[in-house]
Amino acid sequence: MRTEARHSLSGRIINTDAPKDHDGEGNDFAPTDLLASSLGTCVITIMGIEAKRRGWKLGEIKVDVYKIMTLIGSRKIQSLILEIFMPPDLESSTYKALQLIAEECPVKLNLEESIDIQMHWHQ
């Protein structure tokens, strides 16, 4: 129930473990945790790429991702809720542009037809 994934270019390793409520020990990220984390980090990354291209200084962005699993039937992710905390000193136009850019996150675009994704913004 434990796995190891090695990144081919860097050699870095990510371990996973099944969650405690699904016959694992819960000692590492579960595969569904990685999917949720992938969405959160993609949102931050795509905003960072655009900010770099436009010469914007972003400061610190924090994203908390909450994963809700189905309770009935097949075990799958029902919804992902992102609480996105933006720097308080961003200009309104920059803030709005980053919100639009986040909607184009490739991970989000690939998941949104099968998982309910909610993005809550805080500044």
PDB file of N, CA and C in Angstrom:
ATOM      1  N   MET A   1       0.815  -1.200   0.000  1.00  0.00           N
ATOM      2  CA  MET A   1       0.000   0.000   0.000  1.00  0.00           C
ATOM      3  C   MET A   1       0.846   1.246   0.000  1.00  0.00           C
ATOM      4  N   ARG A   2       2.138   1.058   0.090  1.00  0.00           N
ATOM      5  CA  ARG A   2       3.056   2.188  -0.004  1.00  0.00           C
ATOM      6  C   ARG A   2       3.683   2.157  -1.390  1.00  0.00           C
ATOM      7  N   THR A   3       3.841   3.327  -1.971  1.00  0.00           N
ATOM      8  CA  THR A   3       4.481   3.409  -3.280  1.00  0.00           C
ATOM      9  C   THR A   3       5.585   4.457  -3.242  1.00  0.00           C
ATOM     10  N   GLU A   4       6.434   4.401  -4.249  1.00  0.00           N
ATOM     11  CA  GLU A   4       7.507   5.372  -4.400  1.00  0.00           C
ATOM     12  C   GLU A   4       7.515   5.802  -5.857  1.00  0.00           C
ATOM     13  N   ALA A   5       7.457   7.102  -6.100  1.00  0.00           N
ATOM     14  CA  ALA A   5       7.542   7.645  -7.454  1.00  0.00           C
ATOM     15  C   ALA A   5       8.802   8.492  -7.540  1.00  0.00           C
ATOM     16  N   ARG A   6       9.613   8.223  -8.555  1.00  0.00           N
ATOM     17  CA  ARG A   6      10.868   8.949  -8.730  1.00  0.00           C
ATOM     18  C   ARG A   6      10.751   9.849  -9.962  1.00  0.00           C
ATOM     19  N   HIS A   7      11.057  11.137  -9.778  1.00  0.00           N
ATOM     20  CA  HIS A   7      11.059  12.096 -10.878  1.00  0.00           C
ATOM     21  C   HIS A   7      12.267  11.812 -11.770  1.00  0.00           C
ATOM     22  N   SER A   8      12.030  11.649 -13.070  1.00  0.00           N
ATOM     23  CA  SER A   8      13.103  11.195 -13.959  1.00  0.00           C
ATOM     24  C   SER A   8      14.225  12.209 -14.128  1.00  0.00           C
ATOM     25  N   LEU A   9      13.940  13.500 -14.068  1.00  0.00           N
ATOM     26  CA  LEU A   9      14.988  14.503 -14.272  1.00  0.00           C
ATOM     27  C   LEU A   9      15.761  14.834 -12.999  1.00  0.00           C
ATOM     28  N   SER A  10      15.052  15.007 -11.907  1.00  0.00           N
ATOM     29  CA  SER A  10      15.722  15.421 -10.670  1.00  0.00           C
ATOM     30  C   SER A  10      16.105  14.248  -9.768  1.00  0.00           C
ATOM     31  N   GLY A  11      15.449  13.121  -9.946  1.00  0.00           N
ATOM     32  CA  GLY A  11      15.694  11.987  -9.064  1.00  0.00           C
ATOM     33  C   GLY A  11      14.969  12.075  -7.734  1.00  0.00           C
ATOM     34  N   ARG A  12      14.219  13.127  -7.519  1.00  0.00           N
ATOM     35  CA  ARG A  12      13.482  13.283  -6.260  1.00  0.00           C
ATOM     36  C   ARG A  12      12.400  12.217  -6.150  1.00  0.00           C
ATOM     37  N   ILE A  13      12.099  11.878  -4.904  1.00  0.00           N
ATOM     38  CA  ILE A  13      11.156  10.795  -4.645  1.00  0.00           C
ATOM     39  C   ILE A  13       9.950  11.313  -3.865  1.00  0.00           C
ATOM     40  N   ILE A  14       8.784  10.842  -4.255  1.00  0.00           N
ATOM     41  CA  ILE A  14       7.550  11.075  -3.509  1.00  0.00           C
ATOM     42  C   ILE A  14       7.032   9.703  -3.088  1.00  0.00           C
ATOM     43  N   ASN A  15       6.750   9.551  -1.812  1.00  0.00           N
ATOM     44  CA  ASN A  15       6.164   8.312  -1.304  1.00  0.00           C
ATOM     45  C   ASN A  15       4.680   8.528  -1.059  1.00  0.00           C
ATOM     46  N   THR A  16       3.908   7.481  -1.256  1.00  0.00           N
ATOM     47  CA  THR A  16       2.489   7.533  -0.924  1.00  0.00           C
ATOM     48  C   THR A  16       2.146   6.360  -0.019  1.00  0.00           C
ATOM     49  N   ASP A  17       1.049   6.513   0.686  1.00  0.00           N
ATOM     50  CA  ASP A  17       0.540   5.456   1.550  1.00  0.00           C
ATOM     51  C   ASP A  17      -0.979   5.553   1.525  1.00  0.00           C
ATOM     52  N   ALA A  18      -1.635   4.432   1.565  1.00  0.00           N
ATOM     53  CA  ALA A  18      -3.094   4.456   1.653  1.00  0.00           C
ATOM     54  C   ALA A  18      -3.496   5.113   2.972  1.00  0.00           C
ATOM     55  N   PRO A  19      -4.612   5.840   2.961  1.00  0.00           N
ATOM     56  CA  PRO A  19      -5.053   6.484   4.204  1.00  0.00           C
ATOM     57  C   PRO A  19      -5.525   5.450   5.232  1.00  0.00           C
ATOM     58  N   LYS A  20      -5.527   5.862   6.486  1.00  0.00           N
ATOM     59  CA  LYS A  20      -5.938   4.965   7.571  1.00  0.00           C
ATOM     60  C   LYS A  20      -7.353   4.432   7.380  1.00  0.00           C
ATOM     61  N   ASP A  21      -8.239   5.271   6.838  1.00  0.00           N
ATOM     62  CA  ASP A  21      -9.622   4.837   6.665  1.00  0.00           C
ATOM     63  C   ASP A  21      -9.808   3.961   5.416  1.00  0.00           C
ATOM     64  N   HIS A  22      -8.691   3.627   4.778  1.00  0.00           N
ATOM     65  CA  HIS A  22      -8.758   2.766   3.592  1.00  0.00           C
ATOM     66  C   HIS A  22      -7.626   1.735   3.627  1.00  0.00           C
ATOM     67  N   ASP A  23      -7.439   1.139   4.798  1.00  0.00           N
ATOM     68  CA  ASP A  23      -6.514   0.024   5.034  1.00  0.00           C
ATOM     69  C   ASP A  23      -5.037   0.380   5.000  1.00  0.00           C
ATOM     70  N   GLY A  24      -4.683   1.643   5.022  1.00  0.00           N
ATOM     71  CA  GLY A  24      -3.278   2.031   5.048  1.00  0.00           C
ATOM     72  C   GLY A  24      -2.863   2.517   6.422  1.00  0.00           C
ATOM     73  N   GLU A  25      -1.639   2.999   6.491  1.00  0.00           N
ATOM     74  CA  GLU A  25      -1.135   3.548   7.735  1.00  0.00           C
ATOM     75  C   GLU A  25      -1.208   5.071   7.770  1.00  0.00           C
ATOM     76  N   GLY A  26      -1.415   5.700   6.614  1.00  0.00           N
ATOM     77  CA  GLY A  26      -1.528   7.153   6.556  1.00  0.00           C
ATOM     78  C   GLY A  26      -0.237   7.878   6.870  1.00  0.00           C
ATOM     79  N   ASN A  27       0.905   7.242   6.607  1.00  0.00           N
ATOM     80  CA  ASN A  27       2.196   7.845   6.934  1.00  0.00           C
ATOM     81  C   ASN A  27       2.705   8.834   5.889  1.00  0.00           C
ATOM     82  N   ASP A  28       2.138   8.827   4.719  1.00  0.00           N
ATOM     83  CA  ASP A  28       2.527   9.746   3.651  1.00  0.00           C
ATOM     84  C   ASP A  28       1.270  10.221   2.943  1.00  0.00           C
ATOM     85  N   PHE A  29       1.467  11.081   1.955  1.00  0.00           N
ATOM     86  CA  PHE A  29       0.349  11.498   1.122  1.00  0.00           C
ATOM     87  C   PHE A  29      -0.333  10.271   0.525  1.00  0.00           C
ATOM     88  N   ALA A  30      -1.655  10.287   0.488  1.00  0.00           N
ATOM     89  CA  ALA A  30      -2.397   9.299  -0.287  1.00  0.00           C
ATOM     90  C   ALA A  30      -2.394   9.768  -1.740  1.00  0.00           C
ATOM     91  N   PRO A  31      -2.581   8.880  -2.694  1.00  0.00           N
ATOM     92  CA  PRO A  31      -2.632   9.328  -4.088  1.00  0.00           C
ATOM     93  C   PRO A  31      -3.654  10.445  -4.332  1.00  0.00           C
ATOM     94  N   THR A  32      -4.805  10.368  -3.661  1.00  0.00           N
ATOM     95  CA  THR A  32      -5.797  11.441  -3.840  1.00  0.00           C
ATOM     96  C   THR A  32      -5.330  12.755  -3.208  1.00  0.00           C
ATOM     97  N   ASP A  33      -4.485  12.684  -2.181  1.00  0.00           N
ATOM     98  CA  ASP A  33      -3.889  13.896  -1.607  1.00  0.00           C
ATOM     99  C   ASP A  33      -2.983  14.566  -2.634  1.00  0.00           C
ATOM    100  N   LEU A  34      -2.238  13.750  -3.379  1.00  0.00           N
ATOM    101  CA  LEU A  34      -1.361  14.310  -4.414  1.00  0.00           C
ATOM    102  C   LEU A  34      -2.172  15.004  -5.499  1.00  0.00           C
ATOM    103  N   LEU A  35      -3.312  14.433  -5.858  1.00  0.00           N
ATOM    104  CA  LEU A  35      -4.171  15.067  -6.853  1.00  0.00           C
ATOM    105  C   LEU A  35      -4.653  16.422  -6.347  1.00  0.00           C
ATOM    106  N   ALA A  36      -5.086  16.468  -5.096  1.00  0.00           N
ATOM    107  CA  ALA A  36      -5.542  17.730  -4.498  1.00  0.00           C
ATOM    108  C   ALA A  36      -4.400  18.734  -4.422  1.00  0.00           C
ATOM    109  N   SER A  37      -3.233  18.276  -4.004  1.00  0.00           N
ATOM    110  CA  SER A  37      -2.058  19.152  -3.924  1.00  0.00           C
ATOM    111  C   SER A  37      -1.644  19.650  -5.296  1.00  0.00           C
ATOM    112  N   SER A  38      -1.789  18.803  -6.294  1.00  0.00           N
ATOM    113  CA  SER A  38      -1.455  19.189  -7.655  1.00  0.00           C
ATOM    114  C   SER A  38      -2.305  20.374  -8.108  1.00  0.00           C
ATOM    115  N   LEU A  39      -3.580  20.356  -7.773  1.00  0.00           N
ATOM    116  CA  LEU A  39      -4.457  21.473  -8.135  1.00  0.00           C
ATOM    117  C   LEU A  39      -4.011  22.753  -7.438  1.00  0.00           C
ATOM    118  N   GLY A  40      -3.773  22.691  -6.145  1.00  0.00           N
ATOM    119  CA  GLY A  40      -3.360  23.889  -5.402  1.00  0.00           C
ATOM    120  C   GLY A  40      -2.047  24.462  -5.892  1.00  0.00           C
ATOM    121  N   THR A  41      -1.070  23.598  -6.122  1.00  0.00           N
ATOM    122  CA  THR A  41       0.235  24.084  -6.578  1.00  0.00           C
ATOM    123  C   THR A  41       0.181  24.575  -8.016  1.00  0.00           C
ATOM    124  N   CYS A  42      -0.686  23.986  -8.833  1.00  0.00           N
ATOM    125  CA  CYS A  42      -0.838  24.456 -10.215  1.00  0.00           C
ATOM    126  C   CYS A  42      -1.405  25.872 -10.244  1.00  0.00           C
ATOM    127  N   VAL A  43      -2.395  26.136  -9.410  1.00  0.00           N
ATOM    128  CA  VAL A  43      -2.989  27.475  -9.349  1.00  0.00           C
ATOM    129  C   VAL A  43      -1.929  28.513  -8.990  1.00  0.00           C
ATOM    130  N   ILE A  44      -1.120  28.213  -7.976  1.00  0.00           N
ATOM    131  CA  ILE A  44      -0.062  29.150  -7.577  1.00  0.00           C
ATOM    132  C   ILE A  44       0.978  29.285  -8.693  1.00  0.00           C
ATOM    133  N   THR A  45       1.360  28.182  -9.290  1.00  0.00           N
ATOM    134  CA  THR A  45       2.390  28.199 -10.335  1.00  0.00           C
ATOM    135  C   THR A  45       1.960  29.016 -11.543  1.00  0.00           C
ATOM    136  N   ILE A  46       0.737  28.828 -11.991  1.00  0.00           N
ATOM    137  CA  ILE A  46       0.293  29.548 -13.191  1.00  0.00           C
ATOM    138  C   ILE A  46       0.178  31.051 -12.902  1.00  0.00           C
ATOM    139  N   MET A  47      -0.203  31.409 -11.678  1.00  0.00           N
ATOM    140  CA  MET A  47      -0.219  32.832 -11.320  1.00  0.00           C
ATOM    141  C   MET A  47       1.208  33.379 -11.275  1.00  0.00           C
ATOM    142  N   GLY A  48       2.129  32.597 -10.746  1.00  0.00           N
ATOM    143  CA  GLY A  48       3.531  33.016 -10.682  1.00  0.00           C
ATOM    144  C   GLY A  48       4.145  33.203 -12.055  1.00  0.00           C
ATOM    145  N   ILE A  49       3.827  32.303 -12.984  1.00  0.00           N
ATOM    146  CA  ILE A  49       4.335  32.416 -14.354  1.00  0.00           C
ATOM    147  C   ILE A  49       3.843  33.712 -14.995  1.00  0.00           C
ATOM    148  N   GLU A  50       2.561  33.982 -14.849  1.00  0.00           N
ATOM    149  CA  GLU A  50       2.002  35.204 -15.448  1.00  0.00           C
ATOM    150  C   GLU A  50       2.572  36.458 -14.787  1.00  0.00           C
ATOM    151  N   ALA A  51       2.728  36.418 -13.469  1.00  0.00           N
ATOM    152  CA  ALA A  51       3.299  37.568 -12.766  1.00  0.00           C
ATOM    153  C   ALA A  51       4.728  37.827 -13.240  1.00  0.00           C
ATOM    154  N   LYS A  52       5.495  36.784 -13.417  1.00  0.00           N
ATOM    155  CA  LYS A  52       6.874  36.939 -13.905  1.00  0.00           C
ATOM    156  C   LYS A  52       6.882  37.558 -15.299  1.00  0.00           C
ATOM    157  N   ARG A  53       6.008  37.093 -16.165  1.00  0.00           N
ATOM    158  CA  ARG A  53       5.929  37.622 -17.537  1.00  0.00           C
ATOM    159  C   ARG A  53       5.551  39.099 -17.558  1.00  0.00           C
ATOM    160  N   ARG A  54       4.708  39.506 -16.623  1.00  0.00           N
ATOM    161  CA  ARG A  54       4.242  40.895 -16.585  1.00  0.00           C
ATOM    162  C   ARG A  54       5.092  41.785 -15.677  1.00  0.00           C
ATOM    163  N   GLY A  55       6.060  41.202 -14.994  1.00  0.00           N
ATOM    164  CA  GLY A  55       6.910  41.980 -14.109  1.00  0.00           C
ATOM    165  C   GLY A  55       6.249  42.358 -12.797  1.00  0.00           C
ATOM    166  N   TRP A  56       5.252  41.606 -12.376  1.00  0.00           N
ATOM    167  CA  TRP A  56       4.570  41.859 -11.111  1.00  0.00           C
ATOM    168  C   TRP A  56       5.304  41.181  -9.966  1.00  0.00           C
ATOM    169  N   LYS A  57       5.347  41.836  -8.830  1.00  0.00           N
ATOM    170  CA  LYS A  57       5.852  41.228  -7.597  1.00  0.00           C
ATOM    171  C   LYS A  57       4.643  40.755  -6.802  1.00  0.00           C
ATOM    172  N   LEU A  58       4.576  39.456  -6.563  1.00  0.00           N
ATOM    173  CA  LEU A  58       3.380  38.917  -5.908  1.00  0.00           C
ATOM    174  C   LEU A  58       3.480  38.841  -4.394  1.00  0.00           C
ATOM    175  N   GLY A  59       4.634  38.545  -3.868  1.00  0.00           N
ATOM    176  CA  GLY A  59       4.715  38.263  -2.442  1.00  0.00           C
ATOM    177  C   GLY A  59       4.241  36.842  -2.196  1.00  0.00           C
ATOM    178  N   GLU A  60       3.798  36.572  -0.999  1.00  0.00           N
ATOM    179  CA  GLU A  60       3.417  35.208  -0.633  1.00  0.00           C
ATOM    180  C   GLU A  60       1.952  34.927  -0.928  1.00  0.00           C
ATOM    181  N   ILE A  61       1.703  33.802  -1.588  1.00  0.00           N
ATOM    182  CA  ILE A  61       0.355  33.303  -1.830  1.00  0.00           C
ATOM    183  C   ILE A  61       0.238  31.967  -1.121  1.00  0.00           C
ATOM    184  N   LYS A  62      -0.868  31.759  -0.455  1.00  0.00           N
ATOM    185  CA  LYS A  62      -1.103  30.495   0.246  1.00  0.00           C
ATOM    186  C   LYS A  62      -2.408  29.893  -0.252  1.00  0.00           C
ATOM    187  N   VAL A  63      -2.394  28.601  -0.509  1.00  0.00           N
ATOM    188  CA  VAL A  63      -3.608  27.894  -0.906  1.00  0.00           C
ATOM    189  C   VAL A  63      -3.804  26.697   0.014  1.00  0.00           C
ATOM    190  N   ASP A  64      -4.933  26.659   0.685  1.00  0.00           N
ATOM    191  CA  ASP A  64      -5.340  25.489   1.464  1.00  0.00           C
ATOM    192  C   ASP A  64      -6.335  24.717   0.607  1.00  0.00           C
ATOM    193  N   VAL A  65      -6.089  23.425   0.420  1.00  0.00           N
ATOM    194  CA  VAL A  65      -6.972  22.600  -0.393  1.00  0.00           C
ATOM    195  C   VAL A  65      -7.646  21.583   0.513  1.00  0.00           C
ATOM    196  N   TYR A  66      -8.970  21.535   0.435  1.00  0.00           N
ATOM    197  CA  TYR A  66      -9.764  20.586   1.206  1.00  0.00           C
ATOM    198  C   TYR A  66     -10.370  19.575   0.248  1.00  0.00           C
ATOM    199  N   LYS A  67     -10.121  18.318   0.530  1.00  0.00           N
ATOM    200  CA  LYS A  67     -10.576  17.220  -0.320  1.00  0.00           C
ATOM    201  C   LYS A  67     -11.770  16.549   0.345  1.00  0.00           C
ATOM    202  N   ILE A  68     -12.885  16.463  -0.375  1.00  0.00           N
ATOM    203  CA  ILE A  68     -14.080  15.800   0.125  1.00  0.00           C
ATOM    204  C   ILE A  68     -14.279  14.529  -0.700  1.00  0.00           C
ATOM    205  N   MET A  69     -14.268  13.396  -0.013  1.00  0.00           N
ATOM    206  CA  MET A  69     -14.455  12.101  -0.673  1.00  0.00           C
ATOM    207  C   MET A  69     -15.929  11.711  -0.653  1.00  0.00           C
ATOM    208  N   THR A  70     -16.336  10.900  -1.620  1.00  0.00           N
ATOM    209  CA  THR A  70     -17.709  10.389  -1.627  1.00  0.00           C
ATOM    210  C   THR A  70     -17.902   9.470  -0.430  1.00  0.00           C
ATOM    211  N   LEU A  71     -19.094   9.445   0.100  1.00  0.00           N
ATOM    212  CA  LEU A  71     -19.403   8.595   1.246  1.00  0.00           C
ATOM    213  C   LEU A  71     -20.169   7.342   0.829  1.00  0.00           C
ATOM    214  N   ILE A  72     -20.771   7.389  -0.350  1.00  0.00           N
ATOM    215  CA  ILE A  72     -21.583   6.276  -0.831  1.00  0.00           C
ATOM    216  C   ILE A  72     -21.053   5.838  -2.191  1.00  0.00           C
ATOM    217  N   GLY A  73     -21.032   4.549  -2.424  1.00  0.00           N
ATOM    218  CA  GLY A  73     -20.603   4.026  -3.717  1.00  0.00           C
ATOM    219  C   GLY A  73     -19.091   3.972  -3.828  1.00  0.00           C
ATOM    220  N   SER A  74     -18.611   4.090  -5.047  1.00  0.00           N
ATOM    221  CA  SER A  74     -17.171   4.017  -5.309  1.00  0.00           C
ATOM    222  C   SER A  74     -16.437   5.134  -4.582  1.00  0.00           C
ATOM    223  N   ARG A  75     -15.258   4.811  -4.099  1.00  0.00           N
ATOM    224  CA  ARG A  75     -14.435   5.790  -3.384  1.00  0.00           C
ATOM    225  C   ARG A  75     -13.788   6.708  -4.417  1.00  0.00           C
ATOM    226  N   LYS A  76     -14.179   7.975  -4.404  1.00  0.00           N
ATOM    227  CA  LYS A  76     -13.585   8.955  -5.309  1.00  0.00           C
ATOM    228  C   LYS A  76     -13.706  10.343  -4.728  1.00  0.00           C
ATOM    229  N   ILE A  77     -12.974  11.268  -5.310  1.00  0.00           N
ATOM    230  CA  ILE A  77     -13.035  12.655  -4.850  1.00  0.00           C
ATOM    231  C   ILE A  77     -14.319  13.280  -5.372  1.00  0.00           C
ATOM    232  N   GLN A  78     -15.109  13.784  -4.454  1.00  0.00           N
ATOM    233  CA  GLN A  78     -16.357  14.457  -4.810  1.00  0.00           C
ATOM    234  C   GLN A  78     -16.115  15.925  -5.113  1.00  0.00           C
ATOM    235  N   SER A  79     -15.314  16.577  -4.252  1.00  0.00           N
ATOM    236  CA  SER A  79     -15.053  17.991  -4.470  1.00  0.00           C
ATOM    237  C   SER A  79     -13.710  18.391  -3.872  1.00  0.00           C
ATOM    238  N   LEU A  80     -13.165  19.459  -4.436  1.00  0.00           N
ATOM    239  CA  LEU A  80     -11.939  20.084  -3.941  1.00  0.00           C
ATOM    240  C   LEU A  80     -12.255  21.547  -3.694  1.00  0.00           C
ATOM    241  N   ILE A  81     -11.991  21.989  -2.499  1.00  0.00           N
ATOM    242  CA  ILE A  81     -12.268  23.373  -2.117  1.00  0.00           C
ATOM    243  C   ILE A  81     -10.932  24.056  -1.872  1.00  0.00           C
ATOM    244  N   LEU A  82     -10.687  25.122  -2.613  1.00  0.00           N
ATOM    245  CA  LEU A  82      -9.448  25.880  -2.470  1.00  0.00           C
ATOM    246  C   LEU A  82      -9.732  27.184  -1.762  1.00  0.00           C
ATOM    247  N   GLU A  83      -9.015  27.424  -0.684  1.00  0.00           N
ATOM    248  CA  GLU A  83      -9.031  28.709   0.011  1.00  0.00           C
ATOM    249  C   GLU A  83      -7.729  29.389  -0.398  1.00  0.00           C
ATOM    250  N   ILE A  84      -7.841  30.436  -1.212  1.00  0.00           N
ATOM    251  CA  ILE A  84      -6.669  31.093  -1.797  1.00  0.00           C
ATOM    252  C   ILE A  84      -6.453  32.428  -1.097  1.00  0.00           C
ATOM    253  N   PHE A  85      -5.309  32.551  -0.431  1.00  0.00           N
ATOM    254  CA  PHE A  85      -4.981  33.745   0.337  1.00  0.00           C
ATOM    255  C   PHE A  85      -3.933  34.548  -0.430  1.00  0.00           C
ATOM    256  N   MET A  86      -4.359  35.706  -0.917  1.00  0.00           N
ATOM    257  CA  MET A  86      -3.507  36.564  -1.728  1.00  0.00           C
ATOM    258  C   MET A  86      -2.898  37.666  -0.868  1.00  0.00           C
ATOM    259  N   PRO A  87      -1.768  38.216  -1.313  1.00  0.00           N
ATOM    260  CA  PRO A  87      -1.170  39.330  -0.577  1.00  0.00           C
ATOM    261  C   PRO A  87      -2.156  40.498  -0.474  1.00  0.00           C
ATOM    262  N   PRO A  88      -2.229  41.151   0.667  1.00  0.00           N
ATOM    263  CA  PRO A  88      -3.220  42.212   0.862  1.00  0.00           C
ATOM    264  C   PRO A  88      -2.951  43.490   0.067  1.00  0.00           C
ATOM    265  N   ASP A  89      -1.715  43.666  -0.411  1.00  0.00           N
ATOM    266  CA  ASP A  89      -1.374  44.927  -1.068  1.00  0.00           C
ATOM    267  C   ASP A  89      -1.444  44.872  -2.594  1.00  0.00           C
ATOM    268  N   LEU A  90      -2.056  43.830  -3.161  1.00  0.00           N
ATOM    269  CA  LEU A  90      -2.178  43.761  -4.615  1.00  0.00           C
ATOM    270  C   LEU A  90      -3.175  44.795  -5.127  1.00  0.00           C
ATOM    271  N   GLU A  91      -2.859  45.389  -6.258  1.00  0.00           N
ATOM    272  CA  GLU A  91      -3.810  46.296  -6.896  1.00  0.00           C
ATOM    273  C   GLU A  91      -5.025  45.498  -7.355  1.00  0.00           C
ATOM    274  N   SER A  92      -6.164  46.137  -7.374  1.00  0.00           N
ATOM    275  CA  SER A  92      -7.411  45.475  -7.748  1.00  0.00           C
ATOM    276  C   SER A  92      -7.327  44.849  -9.137  1.00  0.00           C
ATOM    277  N   SER A  93      -6.732  45.545 -10.086  1.00  0.00           N
ATOM    278  CA  SER A  93      -6.647  45.022 -11.456  1.00  0.00           C
ATOM    279  C   SER A  93      -5.738  43.785 -11.519  1.00  0.00           C
ATOM    280  N   THR A  94      -4.672  43.786 -10.743  1.00  0.00           N
ATOM    281  CA  THR A  94      -3.761  42.636 -10.691  1.00  0.00           C
ATOM    282  C   THR A  94      -4.466  41.446 -10.055  1.00  0.00           C
ATOM    283  N   TYR A  95      -5.183  41.703  -8.970  1.00  0.00           N
ATOM    284  CA  TYR A  95      -5.929  40.664  -8.261  1.00  0.00           C
ATOM    285  C   TYR A  95      -6.943  40.000  -9.201  1.00  0.00           C
ATOM    286  N   LYS A  96      -7.694  40.810  -9.931  1.00  0.00           N
ATOM    287  CA  LYS A  96      -8.703  40.273 -10.859  1.00  0.00           C
ATOM    288  C   LYS A  96      -8.055  39.501 -11.999  1.00  0.00           C
ATOM    289  N   ALA A  97      -6.946  40.010 -12.510  1.00  0.00           N
ATOM    290  CA  ALA A  97      -6.234  39.307 -13.587  1.00  0.00           C
ATOM    291  C   ALA A  97      -5.739  37.946 -13.098  1.00  0.00           C
ATOM    292  N   LEU A  98      -5.224  37.881 -11.891  1.00  0.00           N
ATOM    293  CA  LEU A  98      -4.736  36.611 -11.344  1.00  0.00           C
ATOM    294  C   LEU A  98      -5.875  35.621 -11.106  1.00  0.00           C
ATOM    295  N   GLN A  99      -7.037  36.124 -10.730  1.00  0.00           N
ATOM    296  CA  GLN A  99      -8.194  35.242 -10.570  1.00  0.00           C
ATOM    297  C   GLN A  99      -8.566  34.603 -11.914  1.00  0.00           C
ATOM    298  N   LEU A 100      -8.545  35.388 -12.971  1.00  0.00           N
ATOM    299  CA  LEU A 100      -8.852  34.852 -14.307  1.00  0.00           C
ATOM    300  C   LEU A 100      -7.795  33.859 -14.761  1.00  0.00           C
ATOM    301  N   ILE A 101      -6.545  34.169 -14.493  1.00  0.00           N
ATOM    302  CA  ILE A 101      -5.446  33.283 -14.869  1.00  0.00           C
ATOM    303  C   ILE A 101      -5.561  31.954 -14.143  1.00  0.00           C
ATOM    304  N   ALA A 102      -5.939  31.967 -12.876  1.00  0.00           N
ATOM    305  CA  ALA A 102      -6.069  30.737 -12.091  1.00  0.00           C
ATOM    306  C   ALA A 102      -7.119  29.804 -12.682  1.00  0.00           C
ATOM    307  N   GLU A 103      -8.129  30.375 -13.307  1.00  0.00           N
ATOM    308  CA  GLU A 103      -9.169  29.554 -13.945  1.00  0.00           C
ATOM    309  C   GLU A 103      -8.610  28.726 -15.095  1.00  0.00           C
ATOM    310  N   GLU A 104      -7.454  29.122 -15.627  1.00  0.00           N
ATOM    311  CA  GLU A 104      -6.834  28.421 -16.757  1.00  0.00           C
ATOM    312  C   GLU A 104      -5.774  27.414 -16.317  1.00  0.00           C
ATOM    313  N   CYS A 105      -5.702  27.139 -15.041  1.00  0.00           N
ATOM    314  CA  CYS A 105      -4.752  26.142 -14.535  1.00  0.00           C
ATOM    315  C   CYS A 105      -5.009  24.816 -15.254  1.00  0.00           C
ATOM    316  N   PRO A 106      -3.977  24.229 -15.876  1.00  0.00           N
ATOM    317  CA  PRO A 106      -4.184  22.977 -16.613  1.00  0.00           C
ATOM    318  C   PRO A 106      -4.752  21.841 -15.773  1.00  0.00           C
ATOM    319  N   VAL A 107      -4.363  21.740 -14.522  1.00  0.00           N
ATOM    320  CA  VAL A 107      -4.907  20.683 -13.670  1.00  0.00           C
ATOM    321  C   VAL A 107      -6.400  20.910 -13.464  1.00  0.00           C
ATOM    322  N   LYS A 108      -6.789  22.143 -13.197  1.00  0.00           N
ATOM    323  CA  LYS A 108      -8.211  22.471 -13.013  1.00  0.00           C
ATOM    324  C   LYS A 108      -8.999  22.144 -14.268  1.00  0.00           C
ATOM    325  N   LEU A 109      -8.477  22.543 -15.421  1.00  0.00           N
ATOM    326  CA  LEU A 109      -9.176  22.297 -16.675  1.00  0.00           C
ATOM    327  C   LEU A 109      -9.383  20.800 -16.931  1.00  0.00           C
ATOM    328  N   ASN A 110      -8.437  19.982 -16.487  1.00  0.00           N
ATOM    329  CA  ASN A 110      -8.558  18.543 -16.674  1.00  0.00           C
ATOM    330  C   ASN A 110      -9.484  17.875 -15.663  1.00  0.00           C
ATOM    331  N   LEU A 111      -9.647  18.475 -14.503  1.00  0.00           N
ATOM    332  CA  LEU A 111     -10.448  17.850 -13.444  1.00  0.00           C
ATOM    333  C   LEU A 111     -11.885  18.332 -13.374  1.00  0.00           C
ATOM    334  N   GLU A 112     -12.150  19.548 -13.826  1.00  0.00           N
ATOM    335  CA  GLU A 112     -13.427  20.182 -13.512  1.00  0.00           C
ATOM    336  C   GLU A 112     -14.663  19.478 -14.082  1.00  0.00           C
ATOM    337  N   GLU A 113     -14.510  18.618 -15.060  1.00  0.00           N
ATOM    338  CA  GLU A 113     -15.686  17.904 -15.561  1.00  0.00           C
ATOM    339  C   GLU A 113     -16.064  16.721 -14.677  1.00  0.00           C
ATOM    340  N   SER A 114     -15.136  16.257 -13.839  1.00  0.00           N
ATOM    341  CA  SER A 114     -15.439  15.092 -13.012  1.00  0.00           C
ATOM    342  C   SER A 114     -15.440  15.380 -11.508  1.00  0.00           C
ATOM    343  N   ILE A 115     -14.904  16.527 -11.110  1.00  0.00           N
ATOM    344  CA  ILE A 115     -14.835  16.886  -9.690  1.00  0.00           C
ATOM    345  C   ILE A 115     -15.344  18.309  -9.515  1.00  0.00           C
ATOM    346  N   ASP A 116     -16.172  18.519  -8.503  1.00  0.00           N
ATOM    347  CA  ASP A 116     -16.627  19.870  -8.170  1.00  0.00           C
ATOM    348  C   ASP A 116     -15.446  20.635  -7.573  1.00  0.00           C
ATOM    349  N   ILE A 117     -15.057  21.732  -8.225  1.00  0.00           N
ATOM    350  CA  ILE A 117     -13.939  22.544  -7.753  1.00  0.00           C
ATOM    351  C   ILE A 117     -14.473  23.925  -7.371  1.00  0.00           C
ATOM    352  N   GLN A 118     -14.182  24.310  -6.135  1.00  0.00           N
ATOM    353  CA  GLN A 118     -14.590  25.620  -5.650  1.00  0.00           C
ATOM    354  C   GLN A 118     -13.345  26.406  -5.254  1.00  0.00           C
ATOM    355  N   MET A 119     -13.258  27.630  -5.736  1.00  0.00           N
ATOM    356  CA  MET A 119     -12.128  28.487  -5.405  1.00  0.00           C
ATOM    357  C   MET A 119     -12.651  29.704  -4.636  1.00  0.00           C
ATOM    358  N   HIS A 120     -12.221  29.822  -3.387  1.00  0.00           N
ATOM    359  CA  HIS A 120     -12.615  30.944  -2.522  1.00  0.00           C
ATOM    360  C   HIS A 120     -11.396  31.837  -2.339  1.00  0.00           C
ATOM    361  N   TRP A 121     -11.559  33.093  -2.687  1.00  0.00           N
ATOM    362  CA  TRP A 121     -10.448  34.049  -2.692  1.00  0.00           C
ATOM    363  C   TRP A 121     -10.476  34.928  -1.452  1.00  0.00           C
ATOM    364  N   HIS A 122      -9.293  35.169  -0.907  1.00  0.00           N
ATOM    365  CA  HIS A 122      -9.135  36.028   0.273  1.00  0.00           C
ATOM    366  C   HIS A 122      -7.974  36.981   0.023  1.00  0.00           C
ATOM    367  N   GLN A 123      -8.187  38.261   0.341  1.00  0.00           N
ATOM    368  CA  GLN A 123      -7.098  39.233   0.179  1.00  0.00           C
ATOM    369  C   GLN A 123      -6.905  40.012   1.460  1.00  0.00           C
TER     370      GLN A 123
END
